[in-house]
Amino acid sequence: MRLLLIDACVSQRGPASRTRRLADAFLESFRAARPEAEIETAALERLDIMPFTPEALDRRDALAKAGEFGAPVFALARQFQQADRIAVAAPFWDLSFPAVLRVYIEHISANGLTYHYESDGCHGDCRASRLAYLTTGGDLERPESLGVLYWRQLAAMFGIPRFDHVFAGGLDLDPSQAPAIMEDACARARALAREF
């Protein structure tokens, strides 16, 4: 089994990132439950990815039309498509997530590789059976929290049947409560990872 961790833990806190702490709790528990699993990380801060220009999209579309999915432009989409489980770790920023994660989504959304269209609509082509979204935020989680909704819909588009999330919210409302909120969220992340 191969787990892909999409690390979008962009933070001015560096190693003290709250989202990274949540992701680490998930990964430690996952490794303990599945020591044989291969874990790959897409560390978005270290990737050299840019939003697509119209010209770059034309080139990618021409490659896709020719079935050239081995081209470098599809590397991230292939990695995503071939993972058995996927975890995404990103802070709750400006009602969604950091821009680099949106750019990553452009790169993995490859018609003919991670999804395709038929007469009845879009169908996912990804191998993963589960996707977990791990996020932290200064404000409270709300039913309309866009990062969670966005990834829930992406999982469906990519054909990933089960979506889970852990949101450590309200961290900046009362700083004295932040440690307890984080511990509760990390416990939920560990529990999720054990059966993930």
Protein backbone atom coordinates (compact mmCIF):
# COMPACT_ATOMS: atom_id res chain seq x y z
CA MET A 1 0.00 0.00 0.00
CA ARG A 2 1.18 3.50 -0.82
CA LEU A 3 0.12 6.62 1.09
CA LEU A 4 0.64 9.99 -0.56
CA LEU A 5 0.93 12.93 1.83
CA ILE A 6 0.30 16.26 0.15
CA ASP A 7 2.17 18.64 2.44
CA ALA A 8 0.85 22.18 2.07
CA CYS A 9 1.83 23.15 5.64
CA VAL A 10 2.76 26.68 4.66
CA SER A 11 3.33 28.55 7.92
CA GLN A 12 5.31 31.42 9.37
CA ARG A 13 5.69 29.16 12.41
CA GLY A 14 8.06 26.89 10.47
CA PRO A 15 8.60 23.61 12.37
CA ALA A 16 6.03 24.76 14.96
CA SER A 17 3.28 24.74 12.32
CA ARG A 18 0.03 23.55 13.87
CA THR A 19 -0.99 21.86 10.63
CA ARG A 20 2.34 20.04 10.50
CA ARG A 21 1.76 18.83 14.06
CA LEU A 22 -1.62 17.46 12.99
CA ALA A 23 -0.07 15.80 9.92
CA ASP A 24 2.74 14.32 12.03
CA ALA A 25 0.23 12.82 14.48
CA PHE A 26 -1.61 11.23 11.55
CA LEU A 27 1.60 9.90 9.96
CA GLU A 28 3.02 8.46 13.18
CA SER A 29 -0.18 6.55 13.83
CA PHE A 30 -0.43 5.42 10.21
CA ARG A 31 3.18 4.12 10.26
CA ALA A 32 2.55 2.24 13.50
CA ALA A 33 -0.59 0.61 12.10
CA ARG A 34 0.95 -0.17 8.68
CA PRO A 35 4.73 -0.47 8.97
CA GLU A 36 4.90 -2.11 5.55
CA ALA A 37 3.26 0.84 3.77
CA GLU A 38 5.25 3.10 1.49
CA ILE A 39 4.79 6.80 2.27
CA GLU A 40 5.48 9.42 -0.39
CA THR A 41 5.37 13.14 0.30
CA ALA A 42 4.60 15.91 -2.15
CA ALA A 43 6.12 18.86 -0.22
CA LEU A 44 4.51 21.75 -2.07
CA GLU A 45 6.85 24.44 -0.71
CA ARG A 46 9.74 22.62 -2.40
CA LEU A 47 8.02 21.91 -5.73
CA ASP A 48 8.64 24.23 -8.64
CA ILE A 49 5.05 24.51 -9.85
CA MET A 50 3.35 27.50 -11.37
CA PRO A 51 -0.23 28.16 -12.47
CA PHE A 52 -0.85 27.09 -16.05
CA THR A 53 -0.78 29.73 -18.77
CA PRO A 54 -3.05 29.28 -21.81
CA GLU A 55 0.01 28.18 -23.82
CA ALA A 56 1.04 25.61 -21.20
CA LEU A 57 -2.52 24.27 -21.12
CA ASP A 58 -2.49 23.92 -24.91
CA ARG A 59 0.76 21.93 -24.73
CA ARG A 60 -0.61 19.72 -21.94
CA ASP A 61 -3.89 19.15 -23.79
CA ALA A 62 -1.98 18.15 -26.94
CA LEU A 63 0.04 15.62 -24.93
CA ALA A 64 -3.13 14.26 -23.32
CA LYS A 65 -4.88 13.97 -26.70
CA ALA A 66 -1.89 11.96 -27.95
CA GLY A 67 -2.00 9.75 -24.83
CA GLU A 68 1.45 10.94 -23.74
CA PHE A 69 0.74 10.74 -20.01
CA GLY A 70 4.36 9.82 -19.33
CA ALA A 71 5.38 13.42 -20.07
CA PRO A 72 6.91 15.37 -17.15
CA VAL A 73 3.93 17.75 -16.98
CA PHE A 74 1.83 14.80 -15.74
CA ALA A 75 4.27 13.63 -13.03
CA LEU A 76 2.22 14.95 -10.10
CA ALA A 77 -1.03 13.66 -11.62
CA ARG A 78 0.51 10.19 -12.08
CA GLN A 79 1.74 10.16 -8.48
CA PHE A 80 -1.72 11.18 -7.24
CA GLN A 81 -3.54 8.75 -9.53
CA GLN A 82 -1.44 5.77 -8.40
CA ALA A 83 -1.63 6.30 -4.62
CA ASP A 84 -3.71 3.84 -2.58
CA ARG A 85 -4.52 6.38 0.15
CA ILE A 86 -4.09 10.16 0.17
CA ALA A 87 -3.76 12.64 3.03
CA VAL A 88 -3.76 16.39 2.43
CA ALA A 89 -2.41 18.71 5.14
CA ALA A 90 -3.10 22.42 4.71
CA PRO A 91 -3.94 25.32 7.00
CA PHE A 92 -7.28 27.10 6.79
CA TRP A 93 -6.28 30.33 5.03
CA ASP A 94 -8.58 33.05 3.78
CA LEU A 95 -11.57 30.69 3.94
CA SER A 96 -9.84 27.90 2.00
CA PHE A 97 -6.12 26.96 1.83
CA PRO A 98 -2.76 28.32 0.58
CA ALA A 99 -2.51 29.23 -3.11
CA VAL A 100 0.23 26.67 -3.73
CA LEU A 101 -2.31 23.91 -3.01
CA ARG A 102 -4.66 25.34 -5.64
CA VAL A 103 -1.79 25.31 -8.15
CA TYR A 104 -1.07 21.68 -7.21
CA ILE A 105 -4.73 20.84 -7.86
CA GLU A 106 -4.38 22.30 -11.38
CA HIS A 107 -1.46 19.94 -11.97
CA ILE A 108 -3.22 16.78 -10.74
CA SER A 109 -6.49 17.53 -12.52
CA ALA A 110 -5.61 15.82 -15.79
CA ASN A 111 -8.50 14.75 -18.02
CA GLY A 112 -7.76 11.25 -19.26
CA LEU A 113 -5.52 10.40 -16.32
CA THR A 114 -7.09 11.29 -12.96
CA TYR A 115 -10.62 11.62 -14.37
CA HIS A 116 -12.47 11.42 -17.68
CA TYR A 117 -15.82 12.39 -19.16
CA GLU A 118 -18.58 10.18 -20.48
CA SER A 119 -22.05 11.11 -21.71
CA ASP A 120 -23.39 10.99 -18.15
CA GLY A 121 -20.68 13.23 -16.67
CA CYS A 122 -17.28 13.12 -15.00
CA HIS A 123 -15.81 9.83 -13.75
CA GLY A 124 -12.76 9.47 -11.53
CA ASP A 125 -9.78 7.31 -12.45
CA CYS A 126 -7.72 7.41 -9.26
CA ARG A 127 -6.74 4.25 -7.40
CA ALA A 128 -7.11 5.64 -3.87
CA SER A 129 -9.97 4.33 -1.79
CA ARG A 130 -9.69 7.09 0.82
CA LEU A 131 -8.67 10.72 1.11
CA ALA A 132 -8.17 12.56 4.41
CA TYR A 133 -8.01 16.34 4.69
CA LEU A 134 -6.13 17.62 7.76
CA THR A 135 -6.45 21.31 8.56
CA THR A 136 -6.04 23.85 11.34
CA GLY A 137 -7.43 27.33 11.66
CA GLY A 138 -7.72 30.31 13.92
CA ASP A 139 -11.48 30.43 13.39
CA LEU A 140 -14.07 27.73 14.02
CA GLU A 141 -15.00 25.08 11.48
CA ARG A 142 -18.31 25.86 9.84
CA PRO A 143 -20.52 23.64 7.66
CA GLU A 144 -19.53 25.78 4.68
CA SER A 145 -15.75 25.67 5.36
CA LEU A 146 -14.48 25.83 1.80
CA GLY A 147 -11.29 23.79 2.13
CA VAL A 148 -13.25 20.83 3.47
CA LEU A 149 -16.04 21.19 0.90
CA TYR A 150 -13.53 21.63 -1.93
CA TRP A 151 -11.57 18.48 -1.07
CA ARG A 152 -14.75 16.48 -0.49
CA GLN A 153 -15.85 17.38 -4.03
CA LEU A 154 -12.39 16.74 -5.49
CA ALA A 155 -12.33 13.27 -3.92
CA ALA A 156 -15.64 12.51 -5.64
CA MET A 157 -14.41 13.92 -8.97
CA PHE A 158 -11.28 11.76 -8.79
CA GLY A 159 -13.33 8.64 -7.97
CA ILE A 160 -12.12 8.32 -4.38
CA PRO A 161 -15.08 6.80 -2.53
CA ARG A 162 -14.33 7.81 1.06
CA PHE A 163 -13.50 11.27 2.36
CA ASP A 164 -12.57 12.08 5.97
CA HIS A 165 -11.32 15.26 7.57
CA VAL A 166 -9.96 16.60 10.83
CA PHE A 167 -10.32 20.34 11.44
CA ALA A 168 -8.57 21.85 14.48
CA GLY A 169 -10.52 25.09 14.59
CA GLY A 170 -10.77 28.07 16.90
CA LEU A 171 -7.05 28.09 17.70
CA ASP A 172 -6.80 31.89 17.76
CA LEU A 173 -10.08 32.67 19.54
CA ASP A 174 -8.76 31.92 23.03
CA PRO A 175 -5.03 31.12 22.96
CA SER A 176 -5.29 29.42 26.37
CA GLN A 177 -7.52 26.79 24.78
CA ALA A 178 -5.27 26.14 21.77
CA PRO A 179 -3.21 23.33 23.37
CA ALA A 180 -6.35 21.38 24.31
CA ILE A 181 -7.88 21.94 20.86
CA MET A 182 -4.71 20.69 19.19
CA GLU A 183 -4.47 17.64 21.45
CA ASP A 184 -8.08 16.72 20.68
CA ALA A 185 -7.49 17.16 16.93
CA CYS A 186 -4.27 15.13 17.05
CA ALA A 187 -6.11 12.34 18.88
CA ARG A 188 -8.78 12.36 16.16
CA ALA A 189 -6.07 12.31 13.47
CA ARG A 190 -4.34 9.36 15.17
CA ALA A 191 -7.62 7.44 15.42
CA LEU A 192 -8.38 8.11 11.76
CA ALA A 193 -4.90 6.99 10.70
CA ARG A 194 -5.13 3.69 12.60
CA GLU A 195 -8.01 2.52 10.40
CA PHE A 196 -7.11 4.49 7.28
